[in-house]
Amino acid sequence: MTVKQRLPYYIIGFFLGIMLVYFFLNKKNVEFDYLPNARVLKSIRRKPQIFSPEVLQIIHSKKIDSSTINQILKNGNVDIWNKLKLDSCMQYNIQGRNNLKNIMLTVKRCDSVAFIEKITVE
């Protein structure tokens, strides 16, 4: 068999393999967090979250719901280039996506906890 004859078999097998892996891993809710944005958001979500008094006041005044904050921490856009290193913590600005673009969180990620320090609504 020549390469020209093998190529269609290879392409068909490759796409069938991709589809098979996609359907198996999709059922297990597997996440592939390889990009820096996804890794930062995942590490913040896994740690206990502590809200500052300013953020608690905004939540209690019903301007922003805690589910909105969780949605931003799941799908937000992290400004990795403007992070600040504070002692053993890193401070990030996380902006919402789609209909939450006007909300920005300032989060300080430490070794054991994540402090949500400030919410900015534009």
Protein backbone atom coordinates (compact mmCIF):
# COMPACT_ATOMS: atom_id res chain seq x y z
CA MET A 1 0.00 0.00 0.00
CA THR A 2 1.22 3.44 -0.80
CA VAL A 3 0.99 6.44 1.48
CA LYS A 4 -1.79 7.80 -0.71
CA GLN A 5 -3.86 4.67 -0.04
CA ARG A 6 -3.12 4.62 3.73
CA LEU A 7 -3.98 8.28 4.34
CA PRO A 8 -7.81 7.87 4.22
CA TYR A 9 -7.64 4.96 6.70
CA TYR A 10 -5.46 7.03 9.02
CA ILE A 11 -7.78 10.07 8.83
CA ILE A 12 -10.92 7.98 9.43
CA GLY A 13 -9.33 6.19 12.40
CA PHE A 14 -8.03 9.45 13.84
CA PHE A 15 -11.45 11.12 13.78
CA LEU A 16 -13.20 8.04 15.16
CA GLY A 17 -10.67 7.97 18.01
CA ILE A 18 -11.24 11.65 18.76
CA MET A 19 -15.01 11.16 18.85
CA LEU A 20 -14.69 8.12 21.10
CA VAL A 21 -12.41 9.91 23.58
CA TYR A 22 -14.66 12.99 23.52
CA PHE A 23 -17.79 11.02 24.42
CA PHE A 24 -16.10 8.97 27.16
CA LEU A 25 -14.44 11.95 28.83
CA ASN A 26 -17.49 14.17 28.45
CA LYS A 27 -19.55 11.80 30.62
CA LYS A 28 -16.94 11.91 33.39
CA ASN A 29 -16.89 15.75 33.53
CA VAL A 30 -13.14 15.84 32.97
CA GLU A 31 -11.56 19.30 32.78
CA PHE A 32 -8.40 20.08 30.86
CA ASP A 33 -6.95 23.09 32.65
CA TYR A 34 -3.68 23.59 30.85
CA LEU A 35 -3.84 27.30 30.11
CA PRO A 36 -2.80 29.79 32.82
CA ASN A 37 -6.25 31.41 32.96
CA ALA A 38 -8.00 28.11 33.69
CA ARG A 39 -5.38 27.00 36.23
CA VAL A 40 -5.69 30.22 38.25
CA LEU A 41 -9.50 30.04 38.28
CA LYS A 42 -9.47 26.37 39.29
CA SER A 43 -7.02 26.97 42.14
CA ILE A 44 -9.19 29.84 43.44
CA ARG A 45 -12.37 27.73 43.26
CA ARG A 46 -10.78 24.80 45.13
CA LYS A 47 -9.69 26.89 48.12
CA PRO A 48 -12.01 28.18 50.83
CA GLN A 49 -13.20 31.64 49.84
CA ILE A 50 -13.28 34.49 52.34
CA PHE A 51 -15.19 37.65 51.46
CA SER A 52 -14.08 41.09 52.60
CA PRO A 53 -16.60 43.30 54.47
CA GLU A 54 -16.97 45.44 51.34
CA VAL A 55 -17.92 42.42 49.24
CA LEU A 56 -20.31 41.13 51.92
CA GLN A 57 -22.02 44.50 52.00
CA ILE A 58 -22.55 44.36 48.21
CA ILE A 59 -23.90 40.81 48.46
CA HIS A 60 -26.28 41.71 51.31
CA SER A 61 -27.55 44.78 49.47
CA LYS A 62 -28.54 42.38 46.64
CA LYS A 63 -26.55 44.27 43.99
CA ILE A 64 -24.63 41.11 43.13
CA ASP A 65 -25.52 37.56 44.07
CA SER A 66 -23.02 34.95 45.28
CA SER A 67 -23.96 32.79 42.29
CA THR A 68 -22.75 35.61 40.04
CA ILE A 69 -19.41 35.58 41.85
CA ASN A 70 -19.19 31.80 41.41
CA GLN A 71 -20.02 32.17 37.70
CA ILE A 72 -17.20 34.70 37.29
CA LEU A 73 -14.80 32.42 39.18
CA LYS A 74 -15.73 29.61 36.81
CA ASN A 75 -15.73 31.39 33.44
CA GLY A 76 -13.96 34.68 34.12
CA ASN A 77 -11.06 36.27 32.34
CA VAL A 78 -7.96 36.56 34.56
CA ASP A 79 -5.59 39.47 33.98
CA ILE A 80 -2.42 37.41 34.43
CA TRP A 81 -0.04 40.08 33.18
CA ASN A 82 -0.99 42.55 35.94
CA LYS A 83 -0.82 40.22 38.93
CA LEU A 84 0.71 41.42 42.19
CA LYS A 85 2.86 39.34 44.51
CA LEU A 86 2.03 40.11 48.15
CA ASP A 87 4.04 38.06 50.69
CA SER A 88 2.91 34.48 50.01
CA CYS A 89 -0.18 35.58 48.06
CA MET A 90 -0.89 36.56 44.47
CA GLN A 91 -3.51 39.19 43.67
CA TYR A 92 -5.49 38.86 40.43
CA ASN A 93 -8.18 40.89 38.69
CA ILE A 94 -10.87 38.67 37.20
CA GLN A 95 -13.39 40.10 34.77
CA GLY A 96 -16.65 38.40 33.88
CA ARG A 97 -17.49 37.20 30.40
CA ASN A 98 -20.52 37.69 28.16
CA ASN A 99 -23.33 39.35 30.15
CA LEU A 100 -21.08 39.80 33.22
CA LYS A 101 -18.40 41.89 31.45
CA ASN A 102 -19.16 44.91 33.61
CA ILE A 103 -18.14 43.11 36.84
CA MET A 104 -14.53 42.76 37.99
CA LEU A 105 -13.34 40.87 41.06
CA THR A 106 -10.07 41.48 42.89
CA VAL A 107 -8.98 38.18 44.41
CA LYS A 108 -5.95 37.45 46.56
CA ARG A 109 -4.95 33.78 46.21
CA CYS A 110 -2.89 32.56 49.14
CA ASP A 111 -1.58 29.10 50.02
CA SER A 112 -4.65 27.90 51.89
CA VAL A 113 -7.45 30.42 51.17
CA ALA A 114 -8.70 32.83 48.52
CA PHE A 115 -9.70 36.34 49.67
CA ILE A 116 -12.25 38.07 47.50
CA GLU A 117 -11.32 41.63 48.35
CA LYS A 118 -13.23 43.90 46.01
CA ILE A 119 -16.02 43.96 43.43
CA THR A 120 -16.05 46.67 40.79
CA VAL A 121 -19.20 47.22 38.73
CA GLU A 122 -18.65 49.43 35.71
